[in-house]
């Protein structure tokens, strides 16, 4: 399955908290199956795109970072897989 996760850093992170976050990221890294990871240019968060058939692994990885940020995780379909379902629905 394809997963898009957007994250927002908690407001008011100190330099020490940001340092802790980066140390965890250096150790743990991205979730298995991550294909792209972008950081917002405003420094407030980012977007992770991945493909993984085990949502448990993605969730487990997300927990490593939960004290510093909030998440929105969406399971998505490629448009070429979604369009036939839409066409069938429209009849």
PDB file of N, CA and C in Angstrom:
ATOM      1  N   UNK A   1       0.830  -1.170   0.000  1.00  0.00           N
ATOM      2  CA  UNK A   1       0.000   0.000   0.000  1.00  0.00           C
ATOM      3  C   UNK A   1       0.879   1.239   0.000  1.00  0.00           C
ATOM      4  N   UNK A   2       0.323   2.312  -0.521  1.00  0.00           N
ATOM      5  CA  UNK A   2       1.032   3.588  -0.588  1.00  0.00           C
ATOM      6  C   UNK A   2       0.578   4.448   0.588  1.00  0.00           C
ATOM      7  N   UNK A   3       1.534   5.075   1.259  1.00  0.00           N
ATOM      8  CA  UNK A   3       1.236   5.870   2.444  1.00  0.00           C
ATOM      9  C   UNK A   3       1.883   7.243   2.286  1.00  0.00           C
ATOM     10  N   UNK A   4       1.092   8.281   2.546  1.00  0.00           N
ATOM     11  CA  UNK A   4       1.626   9.636   2.590  1.00  0.00           C
ATOM     12  C   UNK A   4       1.425  10.144   4.011  1.00  0.00           C
ATOM     13  N   UNK A   5       2.518  10.540   4.633  1.00  0.00           N
ATOM     14  CA  UNK A   5       2.470  11.060   5.997  1.00  0.00           C
ATOM     15  C   UNK A   5       2.970  12.495   5.988  1.00  0.00           C
ATOM     16  N   UNK A   6       2.138  13.394   6.465  1.00  0.00           N
ATOM     17  CA  UNK A   6       2.596  14.766   6.665  1.00  0.00           C
ATOM     18  C   UNK A   6       2.814  14.947   8.167  1.00  0.00           C
ATOM     19  N   UNK A   7       3.846  15.696   8.497  1.00  0.00           N
ATOM     20  CA  UNK A   7       4.110  15.943   9.906  1.00  0.00           C
ATOM     21  C   UNK A   7       4.360  17.424  10.143  1.00  0.00           C
ATOM     22  N   UNK A   8       4.007  17.853  11.340  1.00  0.00           N
ATOM     23  CA  UNK A   8       4.202  19.224  11.766  1.00  0.00           C
ATOM     24  C   UNK A   8       4.967  19.205  13.079  1.00  0.00           C
ATOM     25  N   UNK A   9       6.035  19.979  13.135  1.00  0.00           N
ATOM     26  CA  UNK A   9       6.798  20.068  14.378  1.00  0.00           C
ATOM     27  C   UNK A   9       5.964  20.784  15.431  1.00  0.00           C
ATOM     28  N   UNK A  10       6.079  20.327  16.667  1.00  0.00           N
ATOM     29  CA  UNK A  10       5.384  20.997  17.759  1.00  0.00           C
ATOM     30  C   UNK A  10       5.904  22.420  17.886  1.00  0.00           C
ATOM     31  N   UNK A  11       5.012  23.373  18.128  1.00  0.00           N
ATOM     32  CA  UNK A  11       5.442  24.767  18.251  1.00  0.00           C
ATOM     33  C   UNK A  11       6.403  24.951  19.430  1.00  0.00           C
ATOM     34  N   UNK A  12       7.365  25.829  19.247  1.00  0.00           N
ATOM     35  CA  UNK A  12       8.254  26.196  20.330  1.00  0.00           C
ATOM     36  C   UNK A  12       9.351  25.217  20.666  1.00  0.00           C
ATOM     37  N   UNK A  13       9.680  24.298  19.724  1.00  0.00           N
ATOM     38  CA  UNK A  13      10.790  23.377  19.999  1.00  0.00           C
ATOM     39  C   UNK A  13      12.068  24.173  20.248  1.00  0.00           C
ATOM     40  N   UNK A  14      12.765  23.820  21.311  1.00  0.00           N
ATOM     41  CA  UNK A  14      14.038  24.468  21.604  1.00  0.00           C
ATOM     42  C   UNK A  14      15.137  23.836  20.758  1.00  0.00           C
ATOM     43  N   UNK A  15      16.294  24.446  20.749  1.00  0.00           N
ATOM     44  CA  UNK A  15      17.430  23.855  20.039  1.00  0.00           C
ATOM     45  C   UNK A  15      17.789  22.506  20.638  1.00  0.00           C
ATOM     46  N   UNK A  16      17.722  22.385  21.954  1.00  0.00           N
ATOM     47  CA  UNK A  16      18.024  21.102  22.595  1.00  0.00           C
ATOM     48  C   UNK A  16      17.018  20.028  22.189  1.00  0.00           C
ATOM     49  N   UNK A  17      15.749  20.382  22.130  1.00  0.00           N
ATOM     50  CA  UNK A  17      14.733  19.418  21.695  1.00  0.00           C
ATOM     51  C   UNK A  17      14.942  19.030  20.230  1.00  0.00           C
ATOM     52  N   UNK A  18      15.278  20.005  19.409  1.00  0.00           N
ATOM     53  CA  UNK A  18      15.549  19.719  18.002  1.00  0.00           C
ATOM     54  C   UNK A  18      16.771  18.819  17.871  1.00  0.00           C
ATOM     55  N   UNK A  19      17.761  19.050  18.676  1.00  0.00           N
ATOM     56  CA  UNK A  19      18.964  18.205  18.692  1.00  0.00           C
ATOM     57  C   UNK A  19      18.594  16.761  19.070  1.00  0.00           C
ATOM     58  N   UNK A  20      17.752  16.600  20.094  1.00  0.00           N
ATOM     59  CA  UNK A  20      17.287  15.261  20.496  1.00  0.00           C
ATOM     60  C   UNK A  20      16.558  14.582  19.343  1.00  0.00           C
ATOM     61  N   UNK A  21      15.674  15.320  18.690  1.00  0.00           N
ATOM     62  CA  UNK A  21      14.938  14.792  17.536  1.00  0.00           C
ATOM     63  C   UNK A  21      15.896  14.311  16.453  1.00  0.00           C
ATOM     64  N   UNK A  22      16.886  15.120  16.135  1.00  0.00           N
ATOM     65  CA  UNK A  22      17.835  14.749  15.086  1.00  0.00           C
ATOM     66  C   UNK A  22      18.694  13.549  15.488  1.00  0.00           C
ATOM     67  N   UNK A  23      18.997  13.420  16.763  1.00  0.00           N
ATOM     68  CA  UNK A  23      19.737  12.245  17.238  1.00  0.00           C
ATOM     69  C   UNK A  23      18.906  10.975  17.069  1.00  0.00           C
ATOM     70  N   UNK A  24      17.608  11.062  17.375  1.00  0.00           N
ATOM     71  CA  UNK A  24      16.732   9.904  17.166  1.00  0.00           C
ATOM     72  C   UNK A  24      16.638   9.581  15.679  1.00  0.00           C
ATOM     73  N   UNK A  25      16.500  10.614  14.847  1.00  0.00           N
ATOM     74  CA  UNK A  25      16.416  10.370  13.402  1.00  0.00           C
ATOM     75  C   UNK A  25      17.704   9.735  12.877  1.00  0.00           C
ATOM     76  N   UNK A  26      18.850  10.163  13.398  1.00  0.00           N
ATOM     77  CA  UNK A  26      20.131   9.579  12.970  1.00  0.00           C
ATOM     78  C   UNK A  26      20.213   8.098  13.335  1.00  0.00           C
ATOM     79  N   UNK A  27      19.573   7.719  14.417  1.00  0.00           N
ATOM     80  CA  UNK A  27      19.599   6.325  14.865  1.00  0.00           C
ATOM     81  C   UNK A  27      18.512   5.482  14.205  1.00  0.00           C
ATOM     82  N   UNK A  28      17.291   6.018  14.186  1.00  0.00           N
ATOM     83  CA  UNK A  28      16.123   5.250  13.733  1.00  0.00           C
ATOM     84  C   UNK A  28      15.866   5.434  12.243  1.00  0.00           C
ATOM     85  N   UNK A  29      15.938   6.674  11.774  1.00  0.00           N
ATOM     86  CA  UNK A  29      15.717   6.964  10.366  1.00  0.00           C
ATOM     87  C   UNK A  29      14.260   6.911   9.945  1.00  0.00           C
ATOM     88  N   UNK A  30      14.061   6.786   8.653  1.00  0.00           N
ATOM     89  CA  UNK A  30      12.727   6.708   8.059  1.00  0.00           C
ATOM     90  C   UNK A  30      12.106   5.339   8.286  1.00  0.00           C
ATOM     91  N   UNK A  31      10.804   5.289   8.113  1.00  0.00           N
ATOM     92  CA  UNK A  31      10.082   4.021   8.181  1.00  0.00           C
ATOM     93  C   UNK A  31      10.503   3.132   7.013  1.00  0.00           C
ATOM     94  N   UNK A  32      10.447   1.813   7.196  1.00  0.00           N
ATOM     95  CA  UNK A  32      10.733   0.914   6.079  1.00  0.00           C
ATOM     96  C   UNK A  32       9.798   1.214   4.902  1.00  0.00           C
ATOM     97  N   UNK A  33      10.327   1.208   3.718  1.00  0.00           N
ATOM     98  CA  UNK A  33       9.534   1.453   2.512  1.00  0.00           C
ATOM     99  C   UNK A  33       9.435   2.909   2.106  1.00  0.00           C
ATOM    100  N   UNK A  34      10.108   3.808   2.835  1.00  0.00           N
ATOM    101  CA  UNK A  34      10.073   5.221   2.469  1.00  0.00           C
ATOM    102  C   UNK A  34      10.730   5.410   1.104  1.00  0.00           C
ATOM    103  N   UNK A  35      10.011   6.100   0.212  1.00  0.00           N
ATOM    104  CA  UNK A  35      10.552   6.361  -1.122  1.00  0.00           C
ATOM    105  C   UNK A  35      10.958   7.817  -1.298  1.00  0.00           C
ATOM    106  N   UNK A  36      10.399   8.712  -0.480  1.00  0.00           N
ATOM    107  CA  UNK A  36      10.765  10.132  -0.534  1.00  0.00           C
ATOM    108  C   UNK A  36      10.456  10.760   0.813  1.00  0.00           C
ATOM    109  N   UNK A  37      11.282  11.719   1.196  1.00  0.00           N
ATOM    110  CA  UNK A  37      11.072  12.457   2.443  1.00  0.00           C
ATOM    111  C   UNK A  37      11.466  13.901   2.179  1.00  0.00           C
ATOM    112  N   UNK A  38      10.490  14.780   2.249  1.00  0.00           N
ATOM    113  CA  UNK A  38      10.712  16.191   1.983  1.00  0.00           C
ATOM    114  C   UNK A  38      10.465  17.000   3.250  1.00  0.00           C
ATOM    115  N   UNK A  39      11.278  18.019   3.460  1.00  0.00           N
ATOM    116  CA  UNK A  39      11.125  18.929   4.586  1.00  0.00           C
ATOM    117  C   UNK A  39      10.570  20.247   4.056  1.00  0.00           C
ATOM    118  N   UNK A  40       9.549  20.773   4.715  1.00  0.00           N
ATOM    119  CA  UNK A  40       8.983  22.059   4.302  1.00  0.00           C
ATOM    120  C   UNK A  40      10.047  23.146   4.400  1.00  0.00           C
ATOM    121  N   UNK A  41      10.091  24.018   3.415  1.00  0.00           N
ATOM    122  CA  UNK A  41      11.085  25.087   3.380  1.00  0.00           C
ATOM    123  C   UNK A  41      10.906  26.083   4.524  1.00  0.00           C
ATOM    124  N   UNK A  42       9.726  26.100   5.162  1.00  0.00           N
ATOM    125  CA  UNK A  42       9.529  27.000   6.299  1.00  0.00           C
ATOM    126  C   UNK A  42      10.026  26.395   7.611  1.00  0.00           C
ATOM    127  N   UNK A  43      10.508  25.150   7.557  1.00  0.00           N
ATOM    128  CA  UNK A  43      11.055  24.496   8.735  1.00  0.00           C
ATOM    129  C   UNK A  43      10.018  23.960   9.701  1.00  0.00           C
ATOM    130  N   UNK A  44       8.750  23.995   9.332  1.00  0.00           N
ATOM    131  CA  UNK A  44       7.686  23.605  10.248  1.00  0.00           C
ATOM    132  C   UNK A  44       7.236  22.170  10.172  1.00  0.00           C
ATOM    133  N   UNK A  45       7.782  21.395   9.246  1.00  0.00           N
ATOM    134  CA  UNK A  45       7.337  20.014   9.113  1.00  0.00           C
ATOM    135  C   UNK A  45       7.838  19.402   7.822  1.00  0.00           C
ATOM    136  N   UNK A  46       7.070  18.440   7.295  1.00  0.00           N
ATOM    137  CA  UNK A  46       7.473  17.791   6.069  1.00  0.00           C
ATOM    138  C   UNK A  46       6.475  16.749   5.611  1.00  0.00           C
ATOM    139  N   UNK A  47       6.871  16.012   4.576  1.00  0.00           N
ATOM    140  CA  UNK A  47       6.042  14.985   3.950  1.00  0.00           C
ATOM    141  C   UNK A  47       6.904  13.759   3.695  1.00  0.00           C
ATOM    142  N   UNK A  48       6.366  12.604   4.046  1.00  0.00           N
ATOM    143  CA  UNK A  48       7.045  11.337   3.779  1.00  0.00           C
ATOM    144  C   UNK A  48       6.135  10.502   2.882  1.00  0.00           C
ATOM    145  N   UNK A  49       6.696   9.985   1.806  1.00  0.00           N
ATOM    146  CA  UNK A  49       5.968   9.123   0.881  1.00  0.00           C
ATOM    147  C   UNK A  49       6.599   7.747   0.963  1.00  0.00           C
ATOM    148  N   UNK A  50       5.757   6.743   1.085  1.00  0.00           N
ATOM    149  CA  UNK A  50       6.309   5.402   1.190  1.00  0.00           C
ATOM    150  C   UNK A  50       5.379   4.355   0.636  1.00  0.00           C
ATOM    151  N   UNK A  51       5.914   3.147   0.561  1.00  0.00           N
ATOM    152  CA  UNK A  51       5.145   1.989   0.118  1.00  0.00           C
ATOM    153  C   UNK A  51       5.506   0.848   1.047  1.00  0.00           C
ATOM    154  N   UNK A  52       4.482   0.340   1.735  1.00  0.00           N
ATOM    155  CA  UNK A  52       4.721  -0.705   2.713  1.00  0.00           C
ATOM    156  C   UNK A  52       3.421  -1.469   2.912  1.00  0.00           C
ATOM    157  N   UNK A  53       3.481  -2.771   2.873  1.00  0.00           N
ATOM    158  CA  UNK A  53       2.281  -3.577   3.071  1.00  0.00           C
ATOM    159  C   UNK A  53       1.985  -3.833   4.536  1.00  0.00           C
ATOM    160  N   UNK A  54       2.851  -3.346   5.426  1.00  0.00           N
ATOM    161  CA  UNK A  54       2.647  -3.538   6.854  1.00  0.00           C
ATOM    162  C   UNK A  54       2.516  -2.180   7.538  1.00  0.00           C
ATOM    163  N   UNK A  55       1.292  -1.736   7.748  1.00  0.00           N
ATOM    164  CA  UNK A  55       1.054  -0.439   8.375  1.00  0.00           C
ATOM    165  C   UNK A  55       1.608  -0.411   9.796  1.00  0.00           C
ATOM    166  N   UNK A  56       1.758  -1.574  10.411  1.00  0.00           N
ATOM    167  CA  UNK A  56       2.317  -1.651  11.758  1.00  0.00           C
ATOM    168  C   UNK A  56       3.741  -1.109  11.803  1.00  0.00           C
ATOM    169  N   UNK A  57       4.531  -1.388  10.793  1.00  0.00           N
ATOM    170  CA  UNK A  57       5.918  -0.899  10.757  1.00  0.00           C
ATOM    171  C   UNK A  57       5.959   0.622  10.620  1.00  0.00           C
ATOM    172  N   UNK A  58       5.080   1.162   9.798  1.00  0.00           N
ATOM    173  CA  UNK A  58       5.023   2.613   9.638  1.00  0.00           C
ATOM    174  C   UNK A  58       4.597   3.267  10.956  1.00  0.00           C
ATOM    175  N   UNK A  59       3.606   2.681  11.605  1.00  0.00           N
ATOM    176  CA  UNK A  59       3.129   3.227  12.873  1.00  0.00           C
ATOM    177  C   UNK A  59       4.196   3.131  13.955  1.00  0.00           C
ATOM    178  N   UNK A  60       4.869   2.006  14.008  1.00  0.00           N
ATOM    179  CA  UNK A  60       5.938   1.801  14.986  1.00  0.00           C
ATOM    180  C   UNK A  60       7.033   2.859  14.828  1.00  0.00           C
ATOM    181  N   UNK A  61       7.391   3.167  13.576  1.00  0.00           N
ATOM    182  CA  UNK A  61       8.406   4.178  13.323  1.00  0.00           C
ATOM    183  C   UNK A  61       7.918   5.557  13.737  1.00  0.00           C
ATOM    184  N   UNK A  62       6.676   5.866  13.430  1.00  0.00           N
ATOM    185  CA  UNK A  62       6.088   7.156  13.762  1.00  0.00           C
ATOM    186  C   UNK A  62       6.159   7.433  15.266  1.00  0.00           C
ATOM    187  N   UNK A  63       5.958   6.410  16.083  1.00  0.00           N
ATOM    188  CA  UNK A  63       5.984   6.590  17.539  1.00  0.00           C
ATOM    189  C   UNK A  63       7.324   7.107  18.049  1.00  0.00           C
ATOM    190  N   UNK A  64       8.404   6.803  17.347  1.00  0.00           N
ATOM    191  CA  UNK A  64       9.722   7.292  17.751  1.00  0.00           C
ATOM    192  C   UNK A  64       9.804   8.814  17.789  1.00  0.00           C
ATOM    193  N   UNK A  65       8.955   9.480  17.026  1.00  0.00           N
ATOM    194  CA  UNK A  65       9.034  10.926  16.851  1.00  0.00           C
ATOM    195  C   UNK A  65       7.848  11.678  17.461  1.00  0.00           C
ATOM    196  N   UNK A  66       6.936  10.971  18.090  1.00  0.00           N
ATOM    197  CA  UNK A  66       5.666  11.577  18.509  1.00  0.00           C
ATOM    198  C   UNK A  66       5.802  12.648  19.584  1.00  0.00           C
ATOM    199  N   UNK A  67       6.885  12.689  20.325  1.00  0.00           N
ATOM    200  CA  UNK A  67       7.004  13.742  21.344  1.00  0.00           C
ATOM    201  C   UNK A  67       7.393  15.091  20.741  1.00  0.00           C
ATOM    202  N   UNK A  68       7.834  15.091  19.483  1.00  0.00           N
ATOM    203  CA  UNK A  68       8.282  16.334  18.844  1.00  0.00           C
ATOM    204  C   UNK A  68       7.368  16.829  17.739  1.00  0.00           C
ATOM    205  N   UNK A  69       6.431  15.995  17.280  1.00  0.00           N
ATOM    206  CA  UNK A  69       5.623  16.382  16.128  1.00  0.00           C
ATOM    207  C   UNK A  69       4.277  15.687  16.119  1.00  0.00           C
ATOM    208  N   UNK A  70       3.371  16.217  15.310  1.00  0.00           N
ATOM    209  CA  UNK A  70       2.080  15.574  15.085  1.00  0.00           C
ATOM    210  C   UNK A  70       2.054  15.078  13.644  1.00  0.00           C
ATOM    211  N   UNK A  71       1.203  14.078  13.394  1.00  0.00           N
ATOM    212  CA  UNK A  71       1.198  13.393  12.103  1.00  0.00           C
ATOM    213  C   UNK A  71      -0.203  13.297  11.518  1.00  0.00           C
ATOM    214  N   UNK A  72      -0.249  13.235  10.194  1.00  0.00           N
ATOM    215  CA  UNK A  72      -1.449  12.895   9.448  1.00  0.00           C
ATOM    216  C   UNK A  72      -1.023  11.836   8.436  1.00  0.00           C
ATOM    217  N   UNK A  73      -1.479  10.602   8.636  1.00  0.00           N
ATOM    218  CA  UNK A  73      -1.073   9.490   7.771  1.00  0.00           C
ATOM    219  C   UNK A  73      -2.262   9.062   6.916  1.00  0.00           C
ATOM    220  N   UNK A  74      -2.060   9.029   5.608  1.00  0.00           N
ATOM    221  CA  UNK A  74      -3.109   8.647   4.665  1.00  0.00           C
ATOM    222  C   UNK A  74      -2.648   7.483   3.795  1.00  0.00           C
ATOM    223  N   UNK A  75      -3.490   6.467   3.693  1.00  0.00           N
ATOM    224  CA  UNK A  75      -3.260   5.396   2.722  1.00  0.00           C
ATOM    225  C   UNK A  75      -3.897   5.870   1.422  1.00  0.00           C
ATOM    226  N   UNK A  76      -3.137   5.822   0.329  1.00  0.00           N
ATOM    227  CA  UNK A  76      -3.605   6.373  -0.942  1.00  0.00           C
ATOM    228  C   UNK A  76      -3.478   5.334  -2.061  1.00  0.00           C
ATOM    229  N   UNK A  77      -4.226   5.576  -3.130  1.00  0.00           N
ATOM    230  CA  UNK A  77      -4.155   4.751  -4.342  1.00  0.00           C
ATOM    231  C   UNK A  77      -3.543   5.562  -5.466  1.00  0.00           C
ATOM    232  N   UNK A  78      -2.723   4.939  -6.302  1.00  0.00           N
ATOM    233  CA  UNK A  78      -2.292   5.625  -7.518  1.00  0.00           C
ATOM    234  C   UNK A  78      -3.523   5.936  -8.373  1.00  0.00           C
ATOM    235  N   UNK A  79      -3.501   7.047  -9.057  1.00  0.00           N
ATOM    236  CA  UNK A  79      -4.668   7.482  -9.815  1.00  0.00           C
ATOM    237  C   UNK A  79      -5.097   6.436 -10.852  1.00  0.00           C
ATOM    238  N   UNK A  80      -4.135   5.749 -11.469  1.00  0.00           N
ATOM    239  CA  UNK A  80      -4.510   4.748 -12.475  1.00  0.00           C
ATOM    240  C   UNK A  80      -5.223   3.549 -11.861  1.00  0.00           C
ATOM    241  N   UNK A  81      -5.071   3.328 -10.573  1.00  0.00           N
ATOM    242  CA  UNK A  81      -5.826   2.268  -9.886  1.00  0.00           C
ATOM    243  C   UNK A  81      -7.171   2.798  -9.395  1.00  0.00           C
ATOM    244  N   UNK A  82      -7.263   4.077  -9.081  1.00  0.00           N
ATOM    245  CA  UNK A  82      -8.494   4.659  -8.551  1.00  0.00           C
ATOM    246  C   UNK A  82      -9.530   4.940  -9.643  1.00  0.00           C
ATOM    247  N   UNK A  83      -9.075   5.364 -10.824  1.00  0.00           N
ATOM    248  CA  UNK A  83     -10.003   5.776 -11.877  1.00  0.00           C
ATOM    249  C   UNK A  83     -10.982   4.667 -12.269  1.00  0.00           C
ATOM    250  N   UNK A  84     -10.573   3.409 -12.433  1.00  0.00           N
ATOM    251  CA  UNK A  84     -11.567   2.387 -12.762  1.00  0.00           C
ATOM    252  C   UNK A  84     -12.672   2.256 -11.700  1.00  0.00           C
ATOM    253  N   UNK A  85     -12.346   2.431 -10.444  1.00  0.00           N
ATOM    254  CA  UNK A  85     -13.353   2.360  -9.382  1.00  0.00           C
ATOM    255  C   UNK A  85     -14.313   3.549  -9.463  1.00  0.00           C
ATOM    256  N   UNK A  86     -13.762   4.709  -9.796  1.00  0.00           N
ATOM    257  CA  UNK A  86     -14.596   5.896  -9.956  1.00  0.00           C
ATOM    258  C   UNK A  86     -15.527   5.719 -11.148  1.00  0.00           C
ATOM    259  N   UNK A  87     -14.984   5.206 -12.237  1.00  0.00           N
ATOM    260  CA  UNK A  87     -15.799   4.987 -13.446  1.00  0.00           C
ATOM    261  C   UNK A  87     -16.922   3.987 -13.164  1.00  0.00           C
ATOM    262  N   UNK A  88     -16.605   2.924 -12.428  1.00  0.00           N
ATOM    263  CA  UNK A  88     -17.629   1.932 -12.087  1.00  0.00           C
ATOM    264  C   UNK A  88     -18.710   2.562 -11.204  1.00  0.00           C
ATOM    265  N   UNK A  89     -18.302   3.375 -10.269  1.00  0.00           N
ATOM    266  CA  UNK A  89     -19.252   4.054  -9.381  1.00  0.00           C
ATOM    267  C   UNK A  89     -20.187   4.969 -10.186  1.00  0.00           C
ATOM    268  N   UNK A  90     -19.613   5.674 -11.172  1.00  0.00           N
ATOM    269  CA  UNK A  90     -20.413   6.605 -11.971  1.00  0.00           C
ATOM    270  C   UNK A  90     -21.347   5.873 -12.930  1.00  0.00           C
ATOM    271  N   UNK A  91     -21.063   4.581 -13.147  1.00  0.00           N
ATOM    272  CA  UNK A  91     -21.941   3.766 -13.959  1.00  0.00           C
ATOM    273  C   UNK A  91     -21.812   4.037 -15.391  1.00  0.00           C
TER     274      UNK A  91
END
